[in-house]
Amino acid sequence: METNERHDTLRVTPERVTISILTEPFVIHTYKGYAAVVNVKLEKDEPEDKTLFIAPKSLADPLKELSETTNDNKMTGLHVAIKKESNDRFARYVVEKAG
């Protein structure tokens, strides 16, 4: 069973990456205050889990919708492909259900 332990942060880029969400959202304390995160496993052979910040609306809304429509209102177990629209720090996220 996965714990709500923080791992290295998954940095999302314009390169598509497929992940499996391992935990329900939880909060961690950062230098800016508290932030919502989930732990994820990358599809490629990365030995370590990563932590994904899910506060951005362009990421949070699609994850919420997918959890409600395809996964019995749970984020744990979702298999999604994510990327950013560009290298811009404030670029929107693109989220799709993965096979």
C-alpha atoms as a PDB file:
ATOM      1  CA  MET A   1       0.000   0.000   0.000  1.00  0.00           C
ATOM      2  CA  GLU A   2       1.315   3.425  -0.941  1.00  0.00           C
ATOM      3  CA  THR A   3       1.839   6.002   1.748  1.00  0.00           C
ATOM      4  CA  ASN A   4       1.481   9.744   1.617  1.00  0.00           C
ATOM      5  CA  GLU A   5       5.228  10.168   1.563  1.00  0.00           C
ATOM      6  CA  ARG A   6       6.788  12.853  -0.598  1.00  0.00           C
ATOM      7  CA  HIS A   7       9.155  11.712  -3.360  1.00  0.00           C
ATOM      8  CA  ASP A   8      11.174  13.625  -5.925  1.00  0.00           C
ATOM      9  CA  THR A   9       8.939  15.953  -7.924  1.00  0.00           C
ATOM     10  CA  LEU A  10       7.776  14.953 -11.390  1.00  0.00           C
ATOM     11  CA  ARG A  11       8.588  17.887 -13.691  1.00  0.00           C
ATOM     12  CA  VAL A  12       6.087  17.922 -16.544  1.00  0.00           C
ATOM     13  CA  THR A  13       7.398  19.138 -19.913  1.00  0.00           C
ATOM     14  CA  PRO A  14       5.956  19.296 -23.446  1.00  0.00           C
ATOM     15  CA  GLU A  15       7.108  15.695 -23.863  1.00  0.00           C
ATOM     16  CA  ARG A  16       4.200  13.300 -23.222  1.00  0.00           C
ATOM     17  CA  VAL A  17       4.650  11.004 -20.242  1.00  0.00           C
ATOM     18  CA  THR A  18       2.326   8.214 -19.108  1.00  0.00           C
ATOM     19  CA  ILE A  19       1.776   7.757 -15.390  1.00  0.00           C
ATOM     20  CA  SER A  20      -0.234   5.678 -12.950  1.00  0.00           C
ATOM     21  CA  ILE A  21      -1.533   7.511  -9.896  1.00  0.00           C
ATOM     22  CA  LEU A  22      -0.627   5.621  -6.720  1.00  0.00           C
ATOM     23  CA  THR A  23      -2.345   7.703  -4.011  1.00  0.00           C
ATOM     24  CA  GLU A  24      -5.353   9.856  -3.391  1.00  0.00           C
ATOM     25  CA  PRO A  25      -4.554  13.577  -3.178  1.00  0.00           C
ATOM     26  CA  PHE A  26      -2.836  14.723   0.003  1.00  0.00           C
ATOM     27  CA  VAL A  27      -1.178  17.941   1.081  1.00  0.00           C
ATOM     28  CA  ILE A  28       2.445  18.692   1.778  1.00  0.00           C
ATOM     29  CA  HIS A  29       4.078  21.747   3.251  1.00  0.00           C
ATOM     30  CA  THR A  30       6.260  23.736   0.844  1.00  0.00           C
ATOM     31  CA  TYR A  31       8.104  27.027   1.132  1.00  0.00           C
ATOM     32  CA  LYS A  32       4.933  28.698  -0.238  1.00  0.00           C
ATOM     33  CA  GLY A  33       2.547  26.978   2.190  1.00  0.00           C
ATOM     34  CA  TYR A  34       0.508  23.832   1.634  1.00  0.00           C
ATOM     35  CA  ALA A  35       0.068  22.175  -1.779  1.00  0.00           C
ATOM     36  CA  ALA A  36      -2.036  19.286  -3.116  1.00  0.00           C
ATOM     37  CA  VAL A  37      -0.081  16.348  -4.560  1.00  0.00           C
ATOM     38  CA  VAL A  38      -0.373  12.699  -5.588  1.00  0.00           C
ATOM     39  CA  ASN A  39       2.339  10.076  -5.860  1.00  0.00           C
ATOM     40  CA  VAL A  40       2.776   8.559  -9.315  1.00  0.00           C
ATOM     41  CA  LYS A  41       4.657   5.823 -11.130  1.00  0.00           C
ATOM     42  CA  LEU A  42       6.057   6.556 -14.575  1.00  0.00           C
ATOM     43  CA  GLU A  43       5.256   4.060 -17.311  1.00  0.00           C
ATOM     44  CA  LYS A  44       8.868   3.867 -18.402  1.00  0.00           C
ATOM     45  CA  ASP A  45      11.214   1.880 -16.227  1.00  0.00           C
ATOM     46  CA  GLU A  46      11.863   4.466 -13.526  1.00  0.00           C
ATOM     47  CA  PRO A  47      12.723   2.671 -10.309  1.00  0.00           C
ATOM     48  CA  GLU A  48      11.424   5.423  -8.031  1.00  0.00           C
ATOM     49  CA  ASP A  49       7.967   6.875  -7.579  1.00  0.00           C
ATOM     50  CA  LYS A  50       7.502  10.611  -8.111  1.00  0.00           C
ATOM     51  CA  THR A  51       5.300  13.260  -6.518  1.00  0.00           C
ATOM     52  CA  LEU A  52       3.090  15.339  -8.832  1.00  0.00           C
ATOM     53  CA  PHE A  53       1.707  18.719  -7.787  1.00  0.00           C
ATOM     54  CA  ILE A  54      -1.951  18.780  -8.875  1.00  0.00           C
ATOM     55  CA  ALA A  55      -3.036  22.310  -7.913  1.00  0.00           C
ATOM     56  CA  PRO A  56      -2.977  23.840 -11.432  1.00  0.00           C
ATOM     57  CA  LYS A  57      -6.561  24.038 -12.700  1.00  0.00           C
ATOM     58  CA  SER A  58      -5.619  22.668 -16.149  1.00  0.00           C
ATOM     59  CA  LEU A  59      -4.351  19.533 -14.392  1.00  0.00           C
ATOM     60  CA  ALA A  60      -6.771  19.238 -11.470  1.00  0.00           C
ATOM     61  CA  ASP A  61      -9.993  19.542 -13.484  1.00  0.00           C
ATOM     62  CA  PRO A  62      -9.260  16.745 -16.002  1.00  0.00           C
ATOM     63  CA  LEU A  63      -7.992  14.445 -13.221  1.00  0.00           C
ATOM     64  CA  LYS A  64     -11.173  15.066 -11.221  1.00  0.00           C
ATOM     65  CA  GLU A  65     -13.349  14.395 -14.269  1.00  0.00           C
ATOM     66  CA  LEU A  66     -11.493  11.183 -15.137  1.00  0.00           C
ATOM     67  CA  SER A  67     -11.700   9.959 -11.551  1.00  0.00           C
ATOM     68  CA  GLU A  68     -15.462  10.604 -11.489  1.00  0.00           C
ATOM     69  CA  THR A  69     -16.282   9.138 -14.900  1.00  0.00           C
ATOM     70  CA  THR A  70     -13.896   6.205 -15.161  1.00  0.00           C
ATOM     71  CA  ASN A  71     -12.584   5.257 -11.723  1.00  0.00           C
ATOM     72  CA  ASP A  72     -15.402   5.319  -9.136  1.00  0.00           C
ATOM     73  CA  ASN A  73     -14.407   8.797  -7.832  1.00  0.00           C
ATOM     74  CA  LYS A  74     -10.879   7.668  -6.997  1.00  0.00           C
ATOM     75  CA  MET A  75      -7.594   8.993  -8.345  1.00  0.00           C
ATOM     76  CA  THR A  76      -5.665   5.955  -7.174  1.00  0.00           C
ATOM     77  CA  GLY A  77      -5.291   3.656 -10.155  1.00  0.00           C
ATOM     78  CA  LEU A  78      -5.857   6.264 -12.867  1.00  0.00           C
ATOM     79  CA  HIS A  79      -3.588   5.732 -15.858  1.00  0.00           C
ATOM     80  CA  VAL A  80      -3.083   9.026 -17.728  1.00  0.00           C
ATOM     81  CA  ALA A  81      -0.809  10.709 -20.245  1.00  0.00           C
ATOM     82  CA  ILE A  82       0.205  14.261 -19.382  1.00  0.00           C
ATOM     83  CA  LYS A  83       2.311  17.002 -20.915  1.00  0.00           C
ATOM     84  CA  LYS A  84       2.486  20.789 -21.004  1.00  0.00           C
ATOM     85  CA  GLU A  85       1.463  22.810 -24.066  1.00  0.00           C
ATOM     86  CA  SER A  86       4.885  24.509 -24.168  1.00  0.00           C
ATOM     87  CA  ASN A  87       8.053  25.098 -22.165  1.00  0.00           C
ATOM     88  CA  ASP A  88       6.543  28.211 -20.627  1.00  0.00           C
ATOM     89  CA  ARG A  89       6.439  27.951 -16.851  1.00  0.00           C
ATOM     90  CA  PHE A  90       2.716  28.804 -16.848  1.00  0.00           C
ATOM     91  CA  ALA A  91       1.742  26.663 -19.853  1.00  0.00           C
ATOM     92  CA  ARG A  92      -1.467  24.682 -19.553  1.00  0.00           C
ATOM     93  CA  TYR A  93      -1.398  20.942 -18.933  1.00  0.00           C
ATOM     94  CA  VAL A  94      -2.778  18.472 -21.471  1.00  0.00           C
ATOM     95  CA  VAL A  95      -4.267  15.369 -19.830  1.00  0.00           C
ATOM     96  CA  GLU A  96      -5.608  12.263 -21.586  1.00  0.00           C
ATOM     97  CA  LYS A  97      -6.737   8.875 -20.358  1.00  0.00           C
ATOM     98  CA  ALA A  98      -4.042   6.331 -21.233  1.00  0.00           C
ATOM     99  CA  GLY A  99      -4.770   2.862 -22.587  1.00  0.00           C
END
